[in-house]
Protein backbone atom coordinates (compact mmCIF):
# COMPACT_ATOMS: atom_id res chain seq x y z
CA UNK A 1 -60.92 54.89 72.64
CA UNK A 2 -57.49 53.52 72.44
CA UNK A 3 -56.76 50.81 69.87
CA UNK A 4 -54.88 47.46 70.41
CA UNK A 5 -53.72 45.50 67.38
CA UNK A 6 -52.88 41.89 67.96
CA UNK A 7 -50.38 40.20 65.50
CA UNK A 8 -50.11 36.48 65.70
CA UNK A 9 -47.22 34.50 64.42
CA UNK A 10 -47.88 31.95 61.59
CA UNK A 11 -47.75 28.92 63.88
CA UNK A 12 -49.83 30.39 66.62
CA UNK A 13 -52.87 28.13 67.79
CA UNK A 14 -56.05 28.62 65.70
CA UNK A 15 -57.75 30.41 68.77
CA UNK A 16 -55.41 33.36 68.31
CA UNK A 17 -55.23 35.89 71.12
CA UNK A 18 -58.83 35.21 72.25
CA UNK A 19 -58.09 35.46 76.05
CA UNK A 20 -55.85 38.63 75.60
CA UNK A 21 -58.61 40.31 73.70
CA UNK A 22 -61.11 39.46 76.36
CA UNK A 23 -58.79 40.80 79.05
CA UNK A 24 -58.34 44.29 77.20
CA UNK A 25 -62.05 45.46 77.95
CA UNK A 26 -62.29 49.21 77.43
CA UNK A 27 -59.86 49.12 74.23
CA UNK A 28 -60.78 48.79 70.50
CA UNK A 29 -59.07 45.44 69.96
CA UNK A 30 -58.50 44.01 66.44
CA UNK A 31 -56.53 40.80 65.56
CA UNK A 32 -54.82 40.77 62.13
CA UNK A 33 -54.88 37.74 59.81
CA UNK A 34 -51.68 35.63 60.00
CA UNK A 35 -49.22 35.44 56.92
CA UNK A 36 -46.31 32.87 56.30
CA UNK A 37 -43.51 35.35 56.12
CA UNK A 38 -42.72 38.37 58.24
CA UNK A 39 -42.10 40.67 55.33
CA UNK A 40 -45.36 39.68 53.80
CA UNK A 41 -47.17 40.27 57.08
CA UNK A 42 -45.50 43.74 57.29
CA UNK A 43 -46.68 44.79 53.73
CA UNK A 44 -50.30 43.49 54.35
CA UNK A 45 -50.65 45.01 57.77
CA UNK A 46 -49.29 48.44 57.02
CA UNK A 47 -52.61 49.75 55.90
CA UNK A 48 -54.47 48.24 58.76
CA UNK A 49 -52.32 49.69 61.69
CA UNK A 50 -53.66 53.00 63.07
CA UNK A 51 -51.48 55.52 64.40
CA UNK A 52 -50.72 55.58 68.21
CA UNK A 53 -52.11 52.22 68.69
CA UNK A 54 -50.77 49.59 71.19
CA UNK A 55 -49.26 46.55 69.13
CA UNK A 56 -48.95 43.00 70.49
CA UNK A 57 -47.01 40.47 68.50
CA UNK A 58 -45.89 36.90 68.77
CA UNK A 59 -42.66 35.16 67.28
CA UNK A 60 -41.68 36.33 63.82
CA UNK A 61 -44.72 38.72 63.78
CA UNK A 62 -42.57 40.66 66.10
CA UNK A 63 -40.28 41.48 63.06
CA UNK A 64 -43.29 43.17 61.30
CA UNK A 65 -44.69 44.69 64.62
CA UNK A 66 -41.26 46.53 65.27
CA UNK A 67 -41.06 48.05 61.97
CA UNK A 68 -44.84 49.06 62.06
CA UNK A 69 -44.55 50.45 65.75
CA UNK A 70 -41.87 52.72 64.51
CA UNK A 71 -43.65 53.90 61.52
CA UNK A 72 -47.13 54.40 63.17
CA UNK A 73 -45.68 56.03 66.42
CA UNK A 74 -47.19 53.25 68.54
CA UNK A 75 -48.25 53.91 72.22
CA UNK A 76 -46.63 50.56 73.23
CA UNK A 77 -45.35 47.42 71.88
CA UNK A 78 -45.55 44.08 73.46
CA UNK A 79 -43.68 40.86 71.99
CA UNK A 80 -43.70 37.33 73.01
CA UNK A 81 -40.93 34.94 71.98
CA UNK A 82 -39.61 37.44 69.53
CA UNK A 83 -37.80 36.67 66.36
CA UNK A 84 -36.10 39.70 64.92
CA UNK A 85 -33.17 37.84 63.28
CA UNK A 86 -31.93 34.30 62.50
CA UNK A 87 -28.61 33.44 63.85
CA UNK A 88 -26.69 30.04 63.44
CA UNK A 89 -28.46 28.48 66.34
CA UNK A 90 -32.01 29.18 65.10
CA UNK A 91 -30.97 28.56 61.58
CA UNK A 92 -30.05 25.02 62.57
CA UNK A 93 -33.30 24.37 64.33
CA UNK A 94 -35.07 25.52 61.25
CA UNK A 95 -33.15 23.34 58.83
CA UNK A 96 -33.98 20.52 61.33
CA UNK A 97 -37.76 21.24 61.07
CA UNK A 98 -37.32 21.47 57.21
CA UNK A 99 -35.75 18.03 57.22
CA UNK A 100 -38.72 16.81 59.39
CA UNK A 101 -41.15 18.45 57.10
CA UNK A 102 -39.74 16.73 54.11
CA UNK A 103 -40.61 13.52 55.79
CA UNK A 104 -44.16 14.42 56.36
CA UNK A 105 -46.60 16.57 58.37
CA UNK A 106 -46.55 14.16 61.28
CA UNK A 107 -42.80 14.25 61.50
CA UNK A 108 -42.87 18.05 61.66
CA UNK A 109 -45.29 18.13 64.49
CA UNK A 110 -43.22 15.60 66.45
CA UNK A 111 -39.94 17.59 65.87
CA UNK A 112 -41.75 21.00 66.74
CA UNK A 113 -43.46 19.93 69.90
CA UNK A 114 -40.49 19.77 72.33
CA UNK A 115 -39.04 23.07 70.91
CA UNK A 116 -42.46 24.77 71.04
CA UNK A 117 -43.91 23.79 74.41
CA UNK A 118 -42.69 23.61 78.04
CA UNK A 119 -42.50 20.57 80.12
CA UNK A 120 -45.82 20.91 81.78
CA UNK A 121 -47.73 21.23 78.43
CA UNK A 122 -45.75 18.17 77.00
CA UNK A 123 -46.85 16.17 79.97
CA UNK A 124 -50.41 17.51 80.51
CA UNK A 125 -51.53 19.34 77.37
CA UNK A 126 -52.06 16.62 74.87
CA UNK A 127 -55.55 17.98 73.88
CA UNK A 128 -54.52 21.52 73.28
CA UNK A 129 -51.36 20.42 71.54
CA UNK A 130 -53.49 18.24 69.17
CA UNK A 131 -55.76 21.34 68.53
CA UNK A 132 -52.55 23.43 67.62
CA UNK A 133 -51.35 20.51 65.23
CA UNK A 134 -54.71 20.40 63.58
CA UNK A 135 -54.39 24.00 62.90
CA UNK A 136 -51.02 23.60 61.38
CA UNK A 137 -52.47 21.19 58.88
CA UNK A 138 -54.02 24.06 56.78
CA UNK A 139 -50.72 26.17 56.64
CA UNK A 140 -47.98 26.22 54.17
CA UNK A 141 -45.25 25.10 56.52
CA UNK A 142 -42.71 25.02 53.75
CA UNK A 143 -43.34 28.66 53.08
CA UNK A 144 -42.97 29.55 56.62
CA UNK A 145 -39.70 27.72 57.09
CA UNK A 146 -38.34 29.21 53.89
CA UNK A 147 -39.34 32.78 54.97
CA UNK A 148 -37.85 32.29 58.36
CA UNK A 149 -34.46 31.19 56.89
CA UNK A 150 -34.53 34.42 54.67
CA UNK A 151 -35.63 36.76 57.28
CA UNK A 152 -33.72 40.04 57.19
CA UNK A 153 -31.96 41.23 60.27
CA UNK A 154 -34.47 43.52 61.99
CA UNK A 155 -32.48 44.74 64.82
CA UNK A 156 -31.77 48.19 63.44
CA UNK A 157 -35.41 48.98 63.32
CA UNK A 158 -35.48 48.46 67.18
CA UNK A 159 -33.37 51.65 67.23
CA UNK A 160 -36.30 53.52 65.72
CA UNK A 161 -38.76 52.81 68.51
CA UNK A 162 -39.94 55.58 70.79
CA UNK A 163 -42.45 53.60 72.72
CA UNK A 164 -42.03 51.34 75.76
CA UNK A 165 -41.52 47.81 74.95
CA UNK A 166 -42.68 44.71 76.86
CA UNK A 167 -40.78 41.60 75.93
CA UNK A 168 -42.26 38.17 77.12
CA UNK A 169 -40.43 34.95 77.03
CA UNK A 170 -41.20 31.49 78.03
CA UNK A 171 -38.77 30.27 80.85
CA UNK A 172 -38.47 26.94 79.04
CA UNK A 173 -38.51 28.28 75.52
CA UNK A 174 -35.72 26.29 73.63
CA UNK A 175 -36.80 27.50 70.15
CA UNK A 176 -36.01 31.07 71.04
CA UNK A 177 -34.31 31.07 74.27
CA UNK A 178 -33.99 34.08 76.64
CA UNK A 179 -31.00 35.63 74.80
CA UNK A 180 -33.13 36.51 71.94
CA UNK A 181 -35.53 38.33 74.34
CA UNK A 182 -32.62 40.09 75.87
CA UNK A 183 -31.26 41.11 72.59
CA UNK A 184 -34.45 43.01 71.82
CA UNK A 185 -34.23 44.79 75.17
CA UNK A 186 -30.63 45.62 74.38
CA UNK A 187 -31.34 47.30 71.18
CA UNK A 188 -34.43 49.40 72.13
CA UNK A 189 -33.34 52.96 72.97
CA UNK A 190 -34.67 54.66 76.10
CA UNK A 191 -37.45 57.16 75.50
CA UNK A 192 -37.95 60.61 76.76
CA UNK A 193 -39.11 59.14 79.96
CA UNK A 194 -36.09 56.90 80.40
CA UNK A 195 -38.06 53.78 79.75
CA UNK A 196 -36.86 51.48 76.81
CA UNK A 197 -37.75 47.77 77.07
CA UNK A 198 -38.38 45.36 80.03
CA UNK A 199 -38.10 41.61 79.81
CA UNK A 200 -40.40 39.41 81.65
CA UNK A 201 -40.16 35.53 81.94
CA UNK A 202 -43.27 33.17 82.05
CA UNK A 203 -42.40 30.43 84.27
CA UNK A 204 -43.17 26.79 83.03
CA UNK A 205 -43.83 27.93 79.62
CA UNK A 206 -42.06 27.29 76.23
CA UNK A 207 -42.19 29.23 73.03
CA UNK A 208 -45.98 29.28 72.98
CA UNK A 209 -46.10 30.98 76.28
CA UNK A 210 -49.00 33.23 75.61
CA UNK A 211 -51.13 30.02 74.99
CA UNK A 212 -49.63 27.79 77.61
CA UNK A 213 -50.48 30.26 80.29
CA UNK A 214 -52.86 32.81 78.54
CA UNK A 215 -53.90 34.35 81.96
CA UNK A 216 -50.53 35.54 83.05
CA UNK A 217 -49.64 36.68 79.59
CA UNK A 218 -52.91 38.64 79.36
CA UNK A 219 -52.41 40.07 82.86
CA UNK A 220 -48.92 41.27 81.92
CA UNK A 221 -50.00 42.94 78.69
CA UNK A 222 -53.14 44.49 80.23
CA UNK A 223 -50.88 46.02 83.05
CA UNK A 224 -48.29 47.25 80.60
CA UNK A 225 -50.79 48.91 78.24
CA UNK A 226 -53.08 50.37 81.16
CA UNK A 227 -49.92 51.81 82.64
CA UNK A 228 -48.68 53.35 79.47
CA UNK A 229 -45.47 51.49 79.63
CA UNK A 230 -45.24 50.30 83.16
CA UNK A 231 -45.94 46.79 84.50
CA UNK A 232 -48.81 47.78 86.74
CA UNK A 233 -52.10 46.13 87.35
CA UNK A 234 -52.98 42.92 89.39
CA UNK A 235 -50.25 40.30 89.90
CA UNK A 236 -50.05 37.56 87.19
CA UNK A 237 -52.03 34.45 88.05
CA UNK A 238 -50.87 30.96 87.08
CA UNK A 239 -53.78 29.49 85.27
CA UNK A 240 -54.14 25.66 85.51
CA UNK A 241 -56.51 25.52 82.49
CA UNK A 242 -53.48 26.78 80.51
CA UNK A 243 -55.56 27.32 77.16
CA UNK A 244 -57.93 30.08 75.92
């Protein structure tokens, strides 16, 4: 049975990749514990990522997943809202979050919401946003911010990939806009089949796209994995429930 390893970013909702895991019936699916910094996650996950698995990651966990995909000869890699390096724009956003965090937890949440969620969720998703914020209360947000500001540039690791890569991005992601996803696509080399990376936009979603529209995200990943690097499977469906 083929294996799928799910790697949540540190600020992912507490439910994790539950909807995605459910969609991947017929695979041996495991979800790894989250860590506040990508290098720490990379070190902790190395012993838990089997060879030739399918890897799925979110946000800064993509940094670790890219390195691990190269080392473990992954069958495929799917990343959402990938953070592979921190440029001046992302650094400015992180420093603003750092300032908000110094004021207090509530200030951090209020500052993060418009950067992490799309317009639909900001208007209609008060309950799931509250659940997300409740999950943040148990996290070391200061360590996450510090780790992000010190994140090494991981673009060179993309050159080592030999598997097909799916890059998902929320169309309304203002924390890591589409150019961050495109940069990943541009750095992934074509494999022997001529396929490198493909970018897919999830309409109406922000940075937390896999949770704002989990059905569409799961459909994309399932089709990509089952097609061994193609975007096959059923057409994505916009899910009004929006939350797994």
